[in-house]
Amino acid sequence: AGAFVKDAGREALRQAGRRPGSADPRLGLVLATNFGPMESLEWCWR
């Protein structure tokens, strides 16, 4: 799920001429999900 977020977020930033990882204090992030990174919780259970 984190890889999905990074892939889509990177594409959006690049289209706007921005680079991922270049810290911008005026750039916010809103994530939206039903289950969150559930693969991680399944790893915990296993």
ModelCIF file with pLDDT and N, C-alpha, C, O atoms, coordinates in Angstrom:
data_MODEL
#
_entry.id   MODEL 
#
_entity.id                         1 
_entity.type                       polymer 
_entity.pdbx_number_of_molecules   1 
#
_entity_poly.entity_id                      1 
_entity_poly.type                           'polypeptide(L)' 
_entity_poly.nstd_linkage                   no 
_entity_poly.nstd_monomer                   no 
_entity_poly.pdbx_seq_one_letter_code       AGAFVKDAGREALRQAGRRPGSADPRLGLVLATNFGPMESLEWCWR 
_entity_poly.pdbx_seq_one_letter_code_can   AGAFVKDAGREALRQAGRRPGSADPRLGLVLATNFGPMESLEWCWR 
_entity_poly.pdbx_strand_id                 A 
#
loop_
_entity_poly_seq.entity_id 
_entity_poly_seq.num 
_entity_poly_seq.mon_id 
_entity_poly_seq.hetero 
1 1  ALA n 
1 2  GLY n 
1 3  ALA n 
1 4  PHE n 
1 5  VAL n 
1 6  LYS n 
1 7  ASP n 
1 8  ALA n 
1 9  GLY n 
1 10 ARG n 
1 11 GLU n 
1 12 ALA n 
1 13 LEU n 
1 14 ARG n 
1 15 GLN n 
1 16 ALA n 
1 17 GLY n 
1 18 ARG n 
1 19 ARG n 
1 20 PRO n 
1 21 GLY n 
1 22 SER n 
1 23 ALA n 
1 24 ASP n 
1 25 PRO n 
1 26 ARG n 
1 27 LEU n 
1 28 GLY n 
1 29 LEU n 
1 30 VAL n 
1 31 LEU n 
1 32 ALA n 
1 33 THR n 
1 34 ASN n 
1 35 PHE n 
1 36 GLY n 
1 37 PRO n 
1 38 MET n 
1 39 GLU n 
1 40 SER n 
1 41 LEU n 
1 42 GLU n 
1 43 TRP n 
1 44 CYS n 
1 45 TRP n 
1 46 ARG n 
#
_struct_asym.id          A 
_struct_asym.entity_id   1 
#
loop_
_ma_qa_metric.id 
_ma_qa_metric.mode 
_ma_qa_metric.name 
_ma_qa_metric.software_group_id 
_ma_qa_metric.type 
1 global pLDDT . pLDDT 
2 local  pLDDT . pLDDT 
#
_ma_qa_metric_global.metric_id      1 
_ma_qa_metric_global.metric_value   92.83 
_ma_qa_metric_global.model_id       1 
_ma_qa_metric_global.ordinal_id     1 
#
loop_
_ma_qa_metric_local.label_asym_id 
_ma_qa_metric_local.label_comp_id 
_ma_qa_metric_local.label_seq_id 
_ma_qa_metric_local.metric_id 
_ma_qa_metric_local.metric_value 
_ma_qa_metric_local.model_id 
_ma_qa_metric_local.ordinal_id 
A ALA 1  2 96.00 1 1  
A GLY 2  2 96.00 1 2  
A ALA 3  2 97.00 1 3  
A PHE 4  2 98.00 1 4  
A VAL 5  2 98.00 1 5  
A LYS 6  2 98.00 1 6  
A ASP 7  2 98.00 1 7  
A ALA 8  2 98.00 1 8  
A GLY 9  2 98.00 1 9  
A ARG 10 2 98.00 1 10 
A GLU 11 2 98.00 1 11 
A ALA 12 2 98.00 1 12 
A LEU 13 2 97.00 1 13 
A ARG 14 2 97.00 1 14 
A GLN 15 2 97.00 1 15 
A ALA 16 2 96.00 1 16 
A GLY 17 2 95.00 1 17 
A ARG 18 2 95.00 1 18 
A ARG 19 2 92.00 1 19 
A PRO 20 2 94.00 1 20 
A GLY 21 2 87.00 1 21 
A SER 22 2 87.00 1 22 
A ALA 23 2 94.00 1 23 
A ASP 24 2 96.00 1 24 
A PRO 25 2 97.00 1 25 
A ARG 26 2 96.00 1 26 
A LEU 27 2 97.00 1 27 
A GLY 28 2 98.00 1 28 
A LEU 29 2 98.00 1 29 
A VAL 30 2 98.00 1 30 
A LEU 31 2 98.00 1 31 
A ALA 32 2 98.00 1 32 
A THR 33 2 97.00 1 33 
A ASN 34 2 96.00 1 34 
A PHE 35 2 94.00 1 35 
A GLY 36 2 92.00 1 36 
A PRO 37 2 92.00 1 37 
A MET 38 2 88.00 1 38 
A GLU 39 2 88.00 1 39 
A SER 40 2 84.00 1 40 
A LEU 41 2 81.00 1 41 
A GLU 42 2 81.00 1 42 
A TRP 43 2 78.00 1 43 
A CYS 44 2 75.00 1 44 
A TRP 45 2 74.00 1 45 
A ARG 46 2 72.00 1 46 
#
loop_
_atom_site.group_PDB 
_atom_site.id 
_atom_site.type_symbol 
_atom_site.label_atom_id 
_atom_site.label_alt_id 
_atom_site.label_comp_id 
_atom_site.label_asym_id 
_atom_site.label_entity_id 
_atom_site.label_seq_id 
_atom_site.pdbx_PDB_ins_code 
_atom_site.Cartn_x 
_atom_site.Cartn_y 
_atom_site.Cartn_z 
_atom_site.occupancy 
_atom_site.B_iso_or_equiv 
_atom_site.pdbx_formal_charge 
_atom_site.auth_seq_id 
_atom_site.auth_comp_id 
_atom_site.auth_asym_id 
_atom_site.auth_atom_id 
_atom_site.pdbx_PDB_model_num 
ATOM 1   N N  . ALA A 1 1  ? 0.835   -1.202  0.000   1.00 96.00 ? 1  ALA A N  1 
ATOM 2   C CA . ALA A 1 1  ? 0.000   0.000   0.000   1.00 96.00 ? 1  ALA A CA 1 
ATOM 3   C C  . ALA A 1 1  ? 0.871   1.253   0.000   1.00 96.00 ? 1  ALA A C  1 
ATOM 4   O O  . ALA A 1 1  ? 0.547   2.236   -0.666  1.00 96.00 ? 1  ALA A O  1 
ATOM 5   N N  . GLY A 1 2  ? 1.968   1.220   0.741   1.00 96.00 ? 2  GLY A N  1 
ATOM 6   C CA . GLY A 1 2  ? 2.893   2.343   0.749   1.00 96.00 ? 2  GLY A CA 1 
ATOM 7   C C  . GLY A 1 2  ? 3.540   2.553   -0.605  1.00 96.00 ? 2  GLY A C  1 
ATOM 8   O O  . GLY A 1 2  ? 3.764   3.689   -1.023  1.00 96.00 ? 2  GLY A O  1 
ATOM 9   N N  . ALA A 1 3  ? 3.843   1.453   -1.297  1.00 97.00 ? 3  ALA A N  1 
ATOM 10  C CA . ALA A 1 3  ? 4.400   1.558   -2.642  1.00 97.00 ? 3  ALA A CA 1 
ATOM 11  C C  . ALA A 1 3  ? 3.392   2.196   -3.590  1.00 97.00 ? 3  ALA A C  1 
ATOM 12  O O  . ALA A 1 3  ? 3.763   3.000   -4.445  1.00 97.00 ? 3  ALA A O  1 
ATOM 13  N N  . PHE A 1 4  ? 2.109   1.839   -3.440  1.00 98.00 ? 4  PHE A N  1 
ATOM 14  C CA . PHE A 1 4  ? 1.061   2.478   -4.249  1.00 98.00 ? 4  PHE A CA 1 
ATOM 15  C C  . PHE A 1 4  ? 1.054   3.992   -4.005  1.00 98.00 ? 4  PHE A C  1 
ATOM 16  O O  . PHE A 1 4  ? 1.031   4.787   -4.944  1.00 98.00 ? 4  PHE A O  1 
ATOM 17  N N  . VAL A 1 5  ? 1.072   4.368   -2.725  1.00 98.00 ? 5  VAL A N  1 
ATOM 18  C CA . VAL A 1 5  ? 1.013   5.792   -2.365  1.00 98.00 ? 5  VAL A CA 1 
ATOM 19  C C  . VAL A 1 5  ? 2.196   6.542   -2.955  1.00 98.00 ? 5  VAL A C  1 
ATOM 20  O O  . VAL A 1 5  ? 2.029   7.625   -3.516  1.00 98.00 ? 5  VAL A O  1 
ATOM 21  N N  . LYS A 1 6  ? 3.384   5.975   -2.832  1.00 98.00 ? 6  LYS A N  1 
ATOM 22  C CA . LYS A 1 6  ? 4.577   6.635   -3.352  1.00 98.00 ? 6  LYS A CA 1 
ATOM 23  C C  . LYS A 1 6  ? 4.524   6.753   -4.870  1.00 98.00 ? 6  LYS A C  1 
ATOM 24  O O  . LYS A 1 6  ? 4.901   7.785   -5.426  1.00 98.00 ? 6  LYS A O  1 
ATOM 25  N N  . ASP A 1 7  ? 4.062   5.710   -5.539  1.00 98.00 ? 7  ASP A N  1 
ATOM 26  C CA . ASP A 1 7  ? 4.020   5.714   -7.007  1.00 98.00 ? 7  ASP A CA 1 
ATOM 27  C C  . ASP A 1 7  ? 3.062   6.785   -7.523  1.00 98.00 ? 7  ASP A C  1 
ATOM 28  O O  . ASP A 1 7  ? 3.413   7.567   -8.407  1.00 98.00 ? 7  ASP A O  1 
ATOM 29  N N  . ALA A 1 8  ? 1.845   6.816   -6.963  1.00 98.00 ? 8  ALA A N  1 
ATOM 30  C CA . ALA A 1 8  ? 0.858   7.806   -7.410  1.00 98.00 ? 8  ALA A CA 1 
ATOM 31  C C  . ALA A 1 8  ? 1.259   9.217   -7.001  1.00 98.00 ? 8  ALA A C  1 
ATOM 32  O O  . ALA A 1 8  ? 1.127   10.154  -7.789  1.00 98.00 ? 8  ALA A O  1 
ATOM 33  N N  . GLY A 1 9  ? 1.749   9.374   -5.770  1.00 98.00 ? 9  GLY A N  1 
ATOM 34  C CA . GLY A 1 9  ? 2.158   10.697  -5.295  1.00 98.00 ? 9  GLY A CA 1 
ATOM 35  C C  . GLY A 1 9  ? 3.315   11.256  -6.099  1.00 98.00 ? 9  GLY A C  1 
ATOM 36  O O  . GLY A 1 9  ? 3.337   12.444  -6.422  1.00 98.00 ? 9  GLY A O  1 
ATOM 37  N N  . ARG A 1 10 ? 4.281   10.400  -6.422  1.00 98.00 ? 10 ARG A N  1 
ATOM 38  C CA . ARG A 1 10 ? 5.423   10.827  -7.223  1.00 98.00 ? 10 ARG A CA 1 
ATOM 39  C C  . ARG A 1 10 ? 4.979   11.319  -8.596  1.00 98.00 ? 10 ARG A C  1 
ATOM 40  O O  . ARG A 1 10 ? 5.474   12.337  -9.080  1.00 98.00 ? 10 ARG A O  1 
ATOM 41  N N  . GLU A 1 11 ? 4.041   10.597  -9.230  1.00 98.00 ? 11 GLU A N  1 
ATOM 42  C CA . GLU A 1 11 ? 3.553   11.013  -10.544 1.00 98.00 ? 11 GLU A CA 1 
ATOM 43  C C  . GLU A 1 11 ? 2.891   12.383  -10.485 1.00 98.00 ? 11 GLU A C  1 
ATOM 44  O O  . GLU A 1 11 ? 3.104   13.218  -11.363 1.00 98.00 ? 11 GLU A O  1 
ATOM 45  N N  . ALA A 1 12 ? 2.081   12.613  -9.441  1.00 98.00 ? 12 ALA A N  1 
ATOM 46  C CA . ALA A 1 12 ? 1.405   13.903  -9.306  1.00 98.00 ? 12 ALA A CA 1 
ATOM 47  C C  . ALA A 1 12 ? 2.414   15.031  -9.100  1.00 98.00 ? 12 ALA A C  1 
ATOM 48  O O  . ALA A 1 12 ? 2.278   16.102  -9.691  1.00 98.00 ? 12 ALA A O  1 
ATOM 49  N N  . LEU A 1 13 ? 3.417   14.795  -8.269  1.00 97.00 ? 13 LEU A N  1 
ATOM 50  C CA . LEU A 1 13 ? 4.430   15.819  -8.022  1.00 97.00 ? 13 LEU A CA 1 
ATOM 51  C C  . LEU A 1 13 ? 5.232   16.120  -9.285  1.00 97.00 ? 13 LEU A C  1 
ATOM 52  O O  . LEU A 1 13 ? 5.480   17.279  -9.615  1.00 97.00 ? 13 LEU A O  1 
ATOM 53  N N  . ARG A 1 14 ? 5.628   15.068  -9.981  1.00 97.00 ? 14 ARG A N  1 
ATOM 54  C CA . ARG A 1 14 ? 6.435   15.264  -11.191 1.00 97.00 ? 14 ARG A CA 1 
ATOM 55  C C  . ARG A 1 14 ? 5.660   16.015  -12.263 1.00 97.00 ? 14 ARG A C  1 
ATOM 56  O O  . ARG A 1 14 ? 6.237   16.825  -12.989 1.00 97.00 ? 14 ARG A O  1 
ATOM 57  N N  . GLN A 1 15 ? 4.370   15.758  -12.371 1.00 97.00 ? 15 GLN A N  1 
ATOM 58  C CA . GLN A 1 15 ? 3.578   16.474  -13.368 1.00 97.00 ? 15 GLN A CA 1 
ATOM 59  C C  . GLN A 1 15 ? 3.572   17.970  -13.073 1.00 97.00 ? 15 GLN A C  1 
ATOM 60  O O  . GLN A 1 15 ? 3.473   18.794  -13.981 1.00 97.00 ? 15 GLN A O  1 
ATOM 61  N N  . ALA A 1 16 ? 3.678   18.301  -11.807 1.00 96.00 ? 16 ALA A N  1 
ATOM 62  C CA . ALA A 1 16 ? 3.711   19.711  -11.407 1.00 96.00 ? 16 ALA A CA 1 
ATOM 63  C C  . ALA A 1 16 ? 5.131   20.270  -11.357 1.00 96.00 ? 16 ALA A C  1 
ATOM 64  O O  . ALA A 1 16 ? 5.340   21.399  -10.912 1.00 96.00 ? 16 ALA A O  1 
ATOM 65  N N  . GLY A 1 17 ? 6.113   19.477  -11.817 1.00 95.00 ? 17 GLY A N  1 
ATOM 66  C CA . GLY A 1 17 ? 7.488   19.946  -11.847 1.00 95.00 ? 17 GLY A CA 1 
ATOM 67  C C  . GLY A 1 17 ? 8.180   19.920  -10.501 1.00 95.00 ? 17 GLY A C  1 
ATOM 68  O O  . GLY A 1 17 ? 9.128   20.673  -10.278 1.00 95.00 ? 17 GLY A O  1 
ATOM 69  N N  . ARG A 1 18 ? 7.715   19.053  -9.587  1.00 95.00 ? 18 ARG A N  1 
ATOM 70  C CA . ARG A 1 18 ? 8.300   18.966  -8.261  1.00 95.00 ? 18 ARG A CA 1 
ATOM 71  C C  . ARG A 1 18 ? 8.971   17.609  -8.071  1.00 95.00 ? 18 ARG A C  1 
ATOM 72  O O  . ARG A 1 18 ? 8.655   16.648  -8.772  1.00 95.00 ? 18 ARG A O  1 
ATOM 73  N N  . ARG A 1 19 ? 9.903   17.537  -7.112  1.00 92.00 ? 19 ARG A N  1 
ATOM 74  C CA . ARG A 1 19 ? 10.624  16.301  -6.845  1.00 92.00 ? 19 ARG A CA 1 
ATOM 75  C C  . ARG A 1 19 ? 10.188  15.710  -5.506  1.00 92.00 ? 19 ARG A C  1 
ATOM 76  O O  . ARG A 1 19 ? 10.119  16.427  -4.508  1.00 92.00 ? 19 ARG A O  1 
ATOM 77  N N  . PRO A 1 20 ? 9.888   14.383  -5.476  1.00 94.00 ? 20 PRO A N  1 
ATOM 78  C CA . PRO A 1 20 ? 9.627   13.752  -4.179  1.00 94.00 ? 20 PRO A CA 1 
ATOM 79  C C  . PRO A 1 20 ? 10.854  13.866  -3.284  1.00 94.00 ? 20 PRO A C  1 
ATOM 80  O O  . PRO A 1 20 ? 11.988  13.795  -3.758  1.00 94.00 ? 20 PRO A O  1 
ATOM 81  N N  . GLY A 1 21 ? 10.621  14.040  -2.007  1.00 87.00 ? 21 GLY A N  1 
ATOM 82  C CA . GLY A 1 21 ? 11.714  14.061  -1.057  1.00 87.00 ? 21 GLY A CA 1 
ATOM 83  C C  . GLY A 1 21 ? 12.291  15.435  -0.783  1.00 87.00 ? 21 GLY A C  1 
ATOM 84  O O  . GLY A 1 21 ? 13.026  15.612  0.188   1.00 87.00 ? 21 GLY A O  1 
ATOM 85  N N  . SER A 1 22 ? 11.976  16.404  -1.613  1.00 87.00 ? 22 SER A N  1 
ATOM 86  C CA . SER A 1 22 ? 12.444  17.769  -1.381  1.00 87.00 ? 22 SER A CA 1 
ATOM 87  C C  . SER A 1 22 ? 11.493  18.438  -0.399  1.00 87.00 ? 22 SER A C  1 
ATOM 88  O O  . SER A 1 22 ? 10.420  18.898  -0.790  1.00 87.00 ? 22 SER A O  1 
ATOM 89  N N  . ALA A 1 23 ? 11.876  18.495  0.864   1.00 94.00 ? 23 ALA A N  1 
ATOM 90  C CA . ALA A 1 23 ? 10.961  18.904  1.938   1.00 94.00 ? 23 ALA A CA 1 
ATOM 91  C C  . ALA A 1 23 ? 10.432  20.321  1.726   1.00 94.00 ? 23 ALA A C  1 
ATOM 92  O O  . ALA A 1 23 ? 11.193  21.272  1.553   1.00 94.00 ? 23 ALA A O  1 
ATOM 93  N N  . ASP A 1 24 ? 9.108   20.430  1.745   1.00 96.00 ? 24 ASP A N  1 
ATOM 94  C CA . ASP A 1 24 ? 8.428   21.713  1.551   1.00 96.00 ? 24 ASP A CA 1 
ATOM 95  C C  . ASP A 1 24 ? 7.488   21.932  2.727   1.00 96.00 ? 24 ASP A C  1 
ATOM 96  O O  . ASP A 1 24 ? 6.477   21.238  2.832   1.00 96.00 ? 24 ASP A O  1 
ATOM 97  N N  . PRO A 1 25 ? 7.790   22.881  3.622   1.00 97.00 ? 25 PRO A N  1 
ATOM 98  C CA . PRO A 1 25 ? 6.940   23.101  4.796   1.00 97.00 ? 25 PRO A CA 1 
ATOM 99  C C  . PRO A 1 25 ? 5.563   23.653  4.467   1.00 97.00 ? 25 PRO A C  1 
ATOM 100 O O  . PRO A 1 25 ? 4.691   23.685  5.336   1.00 97.00 ? 25 PRO A O  1 
ATOM 101 N N  . ARG A 1 26 ? 5.349   24.090  3.225   1.00 96.00 ? 26 ARG A N  1 
ATOM 102 C CA . ARG A 1 26 ? 4.040   24.600  2.823   1.00 96.00 ? 26 ARG A CA 1 
ATOM 103 C C  . ARG A 1 26 ? 3.268   23.576  1.991   1.00 96.00 ? 26 ARG A C  1 
ATOM 104 O O  . ARG A 1 26 ? 2.215   23.883  1.432   1.00 96.00 ? 26 ARG A O  1 
ATOM 105 N N  . LEU A 1 27 ? 3.809   22.348  1.917   1.00 97.00 ? 27 LEU A N  1 
ATOM 106 C CA . LEU A 1 27 ? 3.139   21.258  1.203   1.00 97.00 ? 27 LEU A CA 1 
ATOM 107 C C  . LEU A 1 27 ? 2.566   20.286  2.221   1.00 97.00 ? 27 LEU A C  1 
ATOM 108 O O  . LEU A 1 27 ? 3.309   19.675  2.989   1.00 97.00 ? 27 LEU A O  1 
ATOM 109 N N  . GLY A 1 28 ? 1.235   20.141  2.228   1.00 98.00 ? 28 GLY A N  1 
ATOM 110 C CA . GLY A 1 28 ? 0.577   19.218  3.142   1.00 98.00 ? 28 GLY A CA 1 
ATOM 111 C C  . GLY A 1 28 ? 0.279   17.884  2.491   1.00 98.00 ? 28 GLY A C  1 
ATOM 112 O O  . GLY A 1 28 ? 0.409   17.730  1.277   1.00 98.00 ? 28 GLY A O  1 
ATOM 113 N N  . LEU A 1 29 ? -0.122  16.920  3.306   1.00 98.00 ? 29 LEU A N  1 
ATOM 114 C CA . LEU A 1 29 ? -0.480  15.581  2.831   1.00 98.00 ? 29 LEU A CA 1 
ATOM 115 C C  . LEU A 1 29 ? -1.758  15.128  3.509   1.00 98.00 ? 29 LEU A C  1 
ATOM 116 O O  . LEU A 1 29 ? -1.863  15.165  4.735   1.00 98.00 ? 29 LEU A O  1 
ATOM 117 N N  . VAL A 1 30 ? -2.738  14.696  2.711   1.00 98.00 ? 30 VAL A N  1 
ATOM 118 C CA . VAL A 1 30 ? -3.955  14.084  3.245   1.00 98.00 ? 30 VAL A CA 1 
ATOM 119 C C  . VAL A 1 30 ? -4.084  12.703  2.634   1.00 98.00 ? 30 VAL A C  1 
ATOM 120 O O  . VAL A 1 30 ? -4.229  12.571  1.419   1.00 98.00 ? 30 VAL A O  1 
ATOM 121 N N  . LEU A 1 31 ? -4.031  11.674  3.463   1.00 98.00 ? 31 LEU A N  1 
ATOM 122 C CA . LEU A 1 31 ? -4.212  10.298  3.030   1.00 98.00 ? 31 LEU A CA 1 
ATOM 123 C C  . LEU A 1 31 ? -5.635  9.853   3.356   1.00 98.00 ? 31 LEU A C  1 
ATOM 124 O O  . LEU A 1 31 ? -6.215  10.264  4.361   1.00 98.00 ? 31 LEU A O  1 
ATOM 125 N N  . ALA A 1 32 ? -6.188  9.003   2.486   1.00 98.00 ? 32 ALA A N  1 
ATOM 126 C CA . ALA A 1 32 ? -7.554  8.502   2.691   1.00 98.00 ? 32 ALA A CA 1 
ATOM 127 C C  . ALA A 1 32 ? -7.570  7.016   2.394   1.00 98.00 ? 32 ALA A C  1 
ATOM 128 O O  . ALA A 1 32 ? -7.016  6.575   1.387   1.00 98.00 ? 32 ALA A O  1 
ATOM 129 N N  . THR A 1 33 ? -8.201  6.241   3.263   1.00 97.00 ? 33 THR A N  1 
ATOM 130 C CA . THR A 1 33 ? -8.177  4.790   3.098   1.00 97.00 ? 33 THR A CA 1 
ATOM 131 C C  . THR A 1 33 ? -9.314  4.129   3.863   1.00 97.00 ? 33 THR A C  1 
ATOM 132 O O  . THR A 1 33 ? -9.880  4.718   4.784   1.00 97.00 ? 33 THR A O  1 
ATOM 133 N N  . ASN A 1 34 ? -9.642  2.905   3.474   1.00 96.00 ? 34 ASN A N  1 
ATOM 134 C CA . ASN A 1 34 ? -10.549 2.071   4.264   1.00 96.00 ? 34 ASN A CA 1 
ATOM 135 C C  . ASN A 1 34 ? -9.771  1.225   5.261   1.00 96.00 ? 34 ASN A C  1 
ATOM 136 O O  . ASN A 1 34 ? -10.066 1.230   6.456   1.00 96.00 ? 34 ASN A O  1 
ATOM 137 N N  . PHE A 1 35 ? -8.769  0.493   4.762   1.00 94.00 ? 35 PHE A N  1 
ATOM 138 C CA . PHE A 1 35 ? -8.066  -0.488  5.579   1.00 94.00 ? 35 PHE A CA 1 
ATOM 139 C C  . PHE A 1 35 ? -6.666  -0.060  6.006   1.00 94.00 ? 35 PHE A C  1 
ATOM 140 O O  . PHE A 1 35 ? -6.100  -0.659  6.921   1.00 94.00 ? 35 PHE A O  1 
ATOM 141 N N  . GLY A 1 36 ? -6.095  0.952   5.372   1.00 92.00 ? 36 GLY A N  1 
ATOM 142 C CA . GLY A 1 36 ? -4.731  1.336   5.691   1.00 92.00 ? 36 GLY A CA 1 
ATOM 143 C C  . GLY A 1 36 ? -3.737  0.296   5.180   1.00 92.00 ? 36 GLY A C  1 
ATOM 144 O O  . GLY A 1 36 ? -4.090  -0.542  4.350   1.00 92.00 ? 36 GLY A O  1 
ATOM 145 N N  . PRO A 1 37 ? -2.498  0.344   5.671   1.00 92.00 ? 37 PRO A N  1 
ATOM 146 C CA . PRO A 1 37 ? -1.476  -0.614  5.226   1.00 92.00 ? 37 PRO A CA 1 
ATOM 147 C C  . PRO A 1 37 ? -1.696  -1.988  5.869   1.00 92.00 ? 37 PRO A C  1 
ATOM 148 O O  . PRO A 1 37 ? -0.939  -2.411  6.743   1.00 92.00 ? 37 PRO A O  1 
ATOM 149 N N  . MET A 1 38 ? -2.738  -2.662  5.417   1.00 88.00 ? 38 MET A N  1 
ATOM 150 C CA . MET A 1 38 ? -3.159  -3.899  6.070   1.00 88.00 ? 38 MET A CA 1 
ATOM 151 C C  . MET A 1 38 ? -2.157  -5.033  5.891   1.00 88.00 ? 38 MET A C  1 
ATOM 152 O O  . MET A 1 38 ? -2.107  -5.946  6.715   1.00 88.00 ? 38 MET A O  1 
ATOM 153 N N  . GLU A 1 39 ? -1.358  -4.988  4.826   1.00 88.00 ? 39 GLU A N  1 
ATOM 154 C CA . GLU A 1 39 ? -0.344  -6.027  4.650   1.00 88.00 ? 39 GLU A CA 1 
ATOM 155 C C  . GLU A 1 39 ? 0.595   -6.063  5.860   1.00 88.00 ? 39 GLU A C  1 
ATOM 156 O O  . GLU A 1 39 ? 1.017   -7.135  6.292   1.00 88.00 ? 39 GLU A O  1 
ATOM 157 N N  . SER A 1 40 ? 0.916   -4.892  6.397   1.00 84.00 ? 40 SER A N  1 
ATOM 158 C CA . SER A 1 40 ? 1.794   -4.825  7.570   1.00 84.00 ? 40 SER A CA 1 
ATOM 159 C C  . SER A 1 40 ? 1.166   -5.518  8.778   1.00 84.00 ? 40 SER A C  1 
ATOM 160 O O  . SER A 1 40 ? 1.853   -6.223  9.517   1.00 84.00 ? 40 SER A O  1 
ATOM 161 N N  . LEU A 1 41 ? -0.141  -5.319  8.978   1.00 81.00 ? 41 LEU A N  1 
ATOM 162 C CA . LEU A 1 41 ? -0.802  -5.959  10.110  1.00 81.00 ? 41 LEU A CA 1 
ATOM 163 C C  . LEU A 1 41 ? -0.895  -7.467  9.904   1.00 81.00 ? 41 LEU A C  1 
ATOM 164 O O  . LEU A 1 41 ? -0.813  -8.235  10.862  1.00 81.00 ? 41 LEU A O  1 
ATOM 165 N N  . GLU A 1 42 ? -1.067  -7.887  8.654   1.00 81.00 ? 42 GLU A N  1 
ATOM 166 C CA . GLU A 1 42 ? -1.062  -9.327  8.393   1.00 81.00 ? 42 GLU A CA 1 
ATOM 167 C C  . GLU A 1 42 ? 0.316   -9.916  8.692   1.00 81.00 ? 42 GLU A C  1 
ATOM 168 O O  . GLU A 1 42 ? 0.414   -11.033 9.201   1.00 81.00 ? 42 GLU A O  1 
ATOM 169 N N  . TRP A 1 43 ? 1.373   -9.177  8.383   1.00 78.00 ? 43 TRP A N  1 
ATOM 170 C CA . TRP A 1 43 ? 2.721   -9.629  8.735   1.00 78.00 ? 43 TRP A CA 1 
ATOM 171 C C  . TRP A 1 43 ? 2.837   -9.803  10.241  1.00 78.00 ? 43 TRP A C  1 
ATOM 172 O O  . TRP A 1 43 ? 3.423   -10.780 10.707  1.00 78.00 ? 43 TRP A O  1 
ATOM 173 N N  . CYS A 1 44 ? 2.287   -8.871  11.005  1.00 75.00 ? 44 CYS A N  1 
ATOM 174 C CA . CYS A 1 44 ? 2.338   -8.952  12.466  1.00 75.00 ? 44 CYS A CA 1 
ATOM 175 C C  . CYS A 1 44 ? 1.642   -10.215 12.959  1.00 75.00 ? 44 CYS A C  1 
ATOM 176 O O  . CYS A 1 44 ? 2.147   -10.923 13.831  1.00 75.00 ? 44 CYS A O  1 
ATOM 177 N N  . TRP A 1 45 ? 0.484   -10.480 12.390  1.00 74.00 ? 45 TRP A N  1 
ATOM 178 C CA . TRP A 1 45 ? -0.269  -11.665 12.803  1.00 74.00 ? 45 TRP A CA 1 
ATOM 179 C C  . TRP A 1 45 ? 0.479   -12.942 12.445  1.00 74.00 ? 45 TRP A C  1 
ATOM 180 O O  . TRP A 1 45 ? 0.535   -13.876 13.245  1.00 74.00 ? 45 TRP A O  1 
ATOM 181 N N  . ARG A 1 46 ? 1.050   -12.986 11.251  1.00 72.00 ? 46 ARG A N  1 
ATOM 182 C CA . ARG A 1 46 ? 1.775   -14.192 10.829  1.00 72.00 ? 46 ARG A CA 1 
ATOM 183 C C  . ARG A 1 46 ? 3.043   -14.380 11.666  1.00 72.00 ? 46 ARG A C  1 
ATOM 184 O O  . ARG A 1 46 ? 3.784   -15.341 11.457  1.00 72.00 ? 46 ARG A O  1 
#
